PDB file of N, CA and C in Angstrom:
ATOM      1  N   MET A   1       0.842  -1.190  -0.028  1.00  0.00           N
ATOM      2  CA  MET A   1      -0.106   0.006  -0.041  1.00  0.00           C
ATOM      3  C   MET A   1       0.937   1.199   0.003  1.00  0.00           C
ATOM      4  N   ALA A   2       0.695   2.093  -0.939  1.00  0.00           N
ATOM      5  CA  ALA A   2       1.507   3.334  -1.072  1.00  0.00           C
ATOM      6  C   ALA A   2       0.921   4.417  -0.129  1.00  0.00           C
ATOM      7  N   ILE A   3       1.880   5.147   0.486  1.00  0.00           N
ATOM      8  CA  ILE A   3       1.389   6.277   1.305  1.00  0.00           C
ATOM      9  C   ILE A   3       1.518   7.561   0.618  1.00  0.00           C
ATOM     10  N   SER A   4       0.393   8.285   0.716  1.00  0.00           N
ATOM     11  CA  SER A   4       0.303   9.608  -0.009  1.00  0.00           C
ATOM     12  C   SER A   4       1.191  10.627   0.718  1.00  0.00           C
ATOM     13  N   LYS A   5       1.908  11.408   0.011  1.00  0.00           N
ATOM     14  CA  LYS A   5       2.792  12.551   0.590  1.00  0.00           C
ATOM     15  C   LYS A   5       2.082  13.850   0.572  1.00  0.00           C
ATOM     16  N   GLY A   6       0.762  13.819   0.399  1.00  0.00           N
ATOM     17  CA  GLY A   6       0.058  15.145   0.364  1.00  0.00           C
ATOM     18  C   GLY A   6      -1.232  14.937  -0.456  1.00  0.00           C
ATOM     19  N   SER A   7      -1.967  16.058  -0.418  1.00  0.00           N
ATOM     20  CA  SER A   7      -3.135  16.028  -1.161  1.00  0.00           C
ATOM     21  C   SER A   7      -2.924  16.048  -2.686  1.00  0.00           C
ATOM     22  N   PRO A   8      -3.786  15.454  -3.428  1.00  0.00           N
ATOM     23  CA  PRO A   8      -3.632  15.474  -4.867  1.00  0.00           C
ATOM     24  C   PRO A   8      -3.685  16.884  -5.577  1.00  0.00           C
ATOM     25  N   LEU A   9      -3.037  17.048  -6.661  1.00  0.00           N
ATOM     26  CA  LEU A   9      -3.131  18.301  -7.338  1.00  0.00           C
ATOM     27  C   LEU A   9      -4.314  18.251  -8.403  1.00  0.00           C
ATOM     28  N   THR A  10      -4.905  19.350  -8.651  1.00  0.00           N
ATOM     29  CA  THR A  10      -5.887  19.387  -9.641  1.00  0.00           C
ATOM     30  C   THR A  10      -5.116  19.160 -11.000  1.00  0.00           C
ATOM     31  N   PRO A  11      -5.937  19.009 -12.110  1.00  0.00           N
ATOM     32  CA  PRO A  11      -5.158  18.784 -13.368  1.00  0.00           C
ATOM     33  C   PRO A  11      -4.294  19.973 -13.718  1.00  0.00           C
ATOM     34  N   LYS A  12      -3.545  19.817 -14.734  1.00  0.00           N
ATOM     35  CA  LYS A  12      -2.576  20.900 -15.067  1.00  0.00           C
ATOM     36  C   LYS A  12      -3.305  22.206 -15.402  1.00  0.00           C
ATOM     37  N   GLU A  13      -2.480  23.166 -15.602  1.00  0.00           N
ATOM     38  CA  GLU A  13      -3.001  24.577 -15.782  1.00  0.00           C
ATOM     39  C   GLU A  13      -4.017  24.550 -16.861  1.00  0.00           C
ATOM     40  N   GLY A  14      -5.030  25.458 -16.686  1.00  0.00           N
ATOM     41  CA  GLY A  14      -6.096  25.542 -17.717  1.00  0.00           C
ATOM     42  C   GLY A  14      -6.309  27.089 -18.028  1.00  0.00           C
ATOM     43  N   TRP A  15      -6.660  27.290 -19.290  1.00  0.00           N
ATOM     44  CA  TRP A  15      -6.996  28.712 -19.792  1.00  0.00           C
ATOM     45  C   TRP A  15      -8.347  28.724 -20.513  1.00  0.00           C
ATOM     46  N   LEU A  16      -9.059  29.830 -20.272  1.00  0.00           N
ATOM     47  CA  LEU A  16     -10.263  30.163 -20.995  1.00  0.00           C
ATOM     48  C   LEU A  16     -10.172  31.541 -21.589  1.00  0.00           C
ATOM     49  N   SER A  17     -10.617  31.708 -22.888  1.00  0.00           N
ATOM     50  CA  SER A  17     -10.640  33.074 -23.406  1.00  0.00           C
ATOM     51  C   SER A  17     -11.742  33.143 -24.454  1.00  0.00           C
ATOM     52  N   ASP A  18     -12.280  34.413 -24.453  1.00  0.00           N
ATOM     53  CA  ASP A  18     -13.289  34.771 -25.468  1.00  0.00           C
ATOM     54  C   ASP A  18     -12.787  35.621 -26.595  1.00  0.00           C
ATOM     55  N   GLY A  19     -11.457  35.586 -26.621  1.00  0.00           N
ATOM     56  CA  GLY A  19     -10.797  36.490 -27.738  1.00  0.00           C
ATOM     57  C   GLY A  19     -10.325  37.810 -27.262  1.00  0.00           C
ATOM     58  N   ARG A  20     -10.912  38.299 -26.106  1.00  0.00           N
ATOM     59  CA  ARG A  20     -10.504  39.547 -25.464  1.00  0.00           C
ATOM     60  C   ARG A  20     -10.017  39.317 -24.014  1.00  0.00           C
ATOM     61  N   LYS A  21     -10.926  38.672 -23.227  1.00  0.00           N
ATOM     62  CA  LYS A  21     -10.608  38.509 -21.843  1.00  0.00           C
ATOM     63  C   LYS A  21     -10.023  37.085 -21.678  1.00  0.00           C
ATOM     64  N   VAL A  22      -9.148  36.829 -20.701  1.00  0.00           N
ATOM     65  CA  VAL A  22      -8.527  35.562 -20.369  1.00  0.00           C
ATOM     66  C   VAL A  22      -8.617  35.194 -18.995  1.00  0.00           C
ATOM     67  N   LEU A  23      -8.951  33.920 -18.663  1.00  0.00           N
ATOM     68  CA  LEU A  23      -8.933  33.430 -17.313  1.00  0.00           C
ATOM     69  C   LEU A  23      -7.939  32.290 -17.208  1.00  0.00           C
ATOM     70  N   ARG A  24      -7.123  32.276 -16.238  1.00  0.00           N
ATOM     71  CA  ARG A  24      -6.146  31.262 -16.042  1.00  0.00           C
ATOM     72  C   ARG A  24      -6.497  30.503 -14.718  1.00  0.00           C
ATOM     73  N   PHE A  25      -6.351  29.180 -14.784  1.00  0.00           N
ATOM     74  CA  PHE A  25      -6.544  28.314 -13.579  1.00  0.00           C
ATOM     75  C   PHE A  25      -5.315  27.475 -13.353  1.00  0.00           C
ATOM     76  N   PRO A  26      -4.498  27.936 -12.424  1.00  0.00           N
ATOM     77  CA  PRO A  26      -3.255  27.085 -12.133  1.00  0.00           C
ATOM     78  C   PRO A  26      -3.602  25.878 -11.257  1.00  0.00           C
ATOM     79  N   PRO A  27      -2.696  24.832 -11.343  1.00  0.00           N
ATOM     80  CA  PRO A  27      -2.923  23.711 -10.417  1.00  0.00           C
ATOM     81  C   PRO A  27      -2.996  24.048  -8.943  1.00  0.00           C
ATOM     82  N   THR A  28      -3.860  23.493  -8.205  1.00  0.00           N
ATOM     83  CA  THR A  28      -3.935  23.668  -6.731  1.00  0.00           C
ATOM     84  C   THR A  28      -4.107  22.363  -6.026  1.00  0.00           C
ATOM     85  N   ARG A  29      -3.779  22.348  -4.727  1.00  0.00           N
ATOM     86  CA  ARG A  29      -3.954  21.172  -3.922  1.00  0.00           C
ATOM     87  C   ARG A  29      -5.363  21.102  -3.416  1.00  0.00           C
ATOM     88  N   TRP A  30      -6.032  19.977  -3.453  1.00  0.00           N
ATOM     89  CA  TRP A  30      -7.277  19.727  -2.965  1.00  0.00           C
ATOM     90  C   TRP A  30      -7.117  18.954  -1.653  1.00  0.00           C
ATOM     91  N   GLU A  31      -7.804  19.349  -0.652  1.00  0.00           N
ATOM     92  CA  GLU A  31      -7.808  18.688   0.665  1.00  0.00           C
ATOM     93  C   GLU A  31      -9.329  18.459   1.011  1.00  0.00           C
ATOM     94  N   ARG A  32      -9.605  17.465   1.887  1.00  0.00           N
ATOM     95  CA  ARG A  32     -10.946  17.194   2.120  1.00  0.00           C
ATOM     96  C   ARG A  32     -11.610  18.265   2.891  1.00  0.00           C
ATOM     97  N   THR A  33     -10.845  18.985   3.801  1.00  0.00           N
ATOM     98  CA  THR A  33     -11.561  20.056   4.592  1.00  0.00           C
ATOM     99  C   THR A  33     -11.291  21.520   4.005  1.00  0.00           C
ATOM    100  N   TYR A  34     -10.402  21.577   2.934  1.00  0.00           N
ATOM    101  CA  TYR A  34     -10.146  22.809   2.489  1.00  0.00           C
ATOM    102  C   TYR A  34      -9.982  22.775   0.972  1.00  0.00           C
ATOM    103  N   GLN A  35     -10.865  23.400   0.212  1.00  0.00           N
ATOM    104  CA  GLN A  35     -10.779  23.432  -1.204  1.00  0.00           C
ATOM    105  C   GLN A  35     -10.880  24.915  -1.673  1.00  0.00           C
ATOM    106  N   ARG A  36      -9.945  25.146  -2.634  1.00  0.00           N
ATOM    107  CA  ARG A  36      -9.897  26.546  -3.158  1.00  0.00           C
ATOM    108  C   ARG A  36      -9.622  26.396  -4.734  1.00  0.00           C
ATOM    109  N   LEU A  37      -9.949  27.447  -5.363  1.00  0.00           N
ATOM    110  CA  LEU A  37      -9.745  27.571  -6.831  1.00  0.00           C
ATOM    111  C   LEU A  37      -9.211  28.899  -7.057  1.00  0.00           C
ATOM    112  N   GLU A  38      -8.014  29.052  -7.524  1.00  0.00           N
ATOM    113  CA  GLU A  38      -7.272  30.305  -7.922  1.00  0.00           C
ATOM    114  C   GLU A  38      -7.657  30.631  -9.271  1.00  0.00           C
ATOM    115  N   ILE A  39      -8.135  31.810  -9.540  1.00  0.00           N
ATOM    116  CA  ILE A  39      -8.457  32.255 -10.909  1.00  0.00           C
ATOM    117  C   ILE A  39      -7.704  33.652 -11.058  1.00  0.00           C
ATOM    118  N   THR A  40      -6.941  33.711 -12.211  1.00  0.00           N
ATOM    119  CA  THR A  40      -6.265  34.958 -12.611  1.00  0.00           C
ATOM    120  C   THR A  40      -6.959  35.492 -13.846  1.00  0.00           C
ATOM    121  N   SER A  41      -7.319  36.700 -13.868  1.00  0.00           N
ATOM    122  CA  SER A  41      -8.049  37.274 -15.073  1.00  0.00           C
ATOM    123  C   SER A  41      -7.054  38.244 -15.653  1.00  0.00           C
ATOM    124  N   GLY A  42      -7.220  38.419 -17.001  1.00  0.00           N
ATOM    125  CA  GLY A  42      -6.424  39.289 -17.819  1.00  0.00           C
ATOM    126  C   GLY A  42      -7.092  39.682 -19.079  1.00  0.00           C
ATOM    127  N   GLU A  43      -6.394  40.477 -19.904  1.00  0.00           N
ATOM    128  CA  GLU A  43      -6.912  40.916 -21.130  1.00  0.00           C
ATOM    129  C   GLU A  43      -5.886  40.785 -22.283  1.00  0.00           C
ATOM    130  N   LEU A  44      -6.391  40.350 -23.389  1.00  0.00           N
ATOM    131  CA  LEU A  44      -5.453  40.191 -24.565  1.00  0.00           C
ATOM    132  C   LEU A  44      -5.370  41.552 -25.177  1.00  0.00           C
ATOM    133  N   LEU A  45      -4.242  42.096 -25.450  1.00  0.00           N
ATOM    134  CA  LEU A  45      -4.000  43.340 -26.158  1.00  0.00           C
ATOM    135  C   LEU A  45      -3.573  42.992 -27.629  1.00  0.00           C
ATOM    136  N   PRO A  46      -4.040  43.729 -28.529  1.00  0.00           N
ATOM    137  CA  PRO A  46      -3.699  43.480 -29.992  1.00  0.00           C
ATOM    138  C   PRO A  46      -2.289  43.443 -30.284  1.00  0.00           C
ATOM    139  N   ASP A  47      -1.487  44.275 -29.607  1.00  0.00           N
ATOM    140  CA  ASP A  47      -0.062  44.396 -30.016  1.00  0.00           C
ATOM    141  C   ASP A  47       0.882  43.537 -29.121  1.00  0.00           C
ATOM    142  N   GLN A  48       0.310  42.710 -28.202  1.00  0.00           N
ATOM    143  CA  GLN A  48       1.135  41.897 -27.305  1.00  0.00           C
ATOM    144  C   GLN A  48       0.930  40.387 -27.595  1.00  0.00           C
ATOM    145  N   LEU A  49       2.038  39.635 -27.320  1.00  0.00           N
ATOM    146  CA  LEU A  49       1.911  38.191 -27.563  1.00  0.00           C
ATOM    147  C   LEU A  49       1.332  37.434 -26.334  1.00  0.00           C
ATOM    148  N   VAL A  50       1.474  38.021 -25.134  1.00  0.00           N
ATOM    149  CA  VAL A  50       1.065  37.380 -23.891  1.00  0.00           C
ATOM    150  C   VAL A  50      -0.073  38.294 -23.286  1.00  0.00           C
ATOM    151  N   PRO A  51      -0.945  37.748 -22.543  1.00  0.00           N
ATOM    152  CA  PRO A  51      -2.086  38.522 -21.932  1.00  0.00           C
ATOM    153  C   PRO A  51      -1.607  39.400 -20.842  1.00  0.00           C
ATOM    154  N   LEU A  52      -2.281  40.520 -20.653  1.00  0.00           N
ATOM    155  CA  LEU A  52      -1.942  41.480 -19.566  1.00  0.00           C
ATOM    156  C   LEU A  52      -2.816  40.988 -18.356  1.00  0.00           C
ATOM    157  N   PHE A  53      -2.143  40.626 -17.281  1.00  0.00           N
ATOM    158  CA  PHE A  53      -2.748  40.153 -16.066  1.00  0.00           C
ATOM    159  C   PHE A  53      -2.817  41.131 -14.977  1.00  0.00           C
TER     160      PHE A  53
END
């Protein structure tokens, strides 16, 4: 039987975009008594390669 060294991570990083606004969901640790979801929002600018957060 393997012993867990901590809570499992959520799936890898996720992104949602409507072409102008951007939401980023980084991996987080889930615990039975404490669950959180971190969301970073930003905006795509026409002259930039990466979103402005």
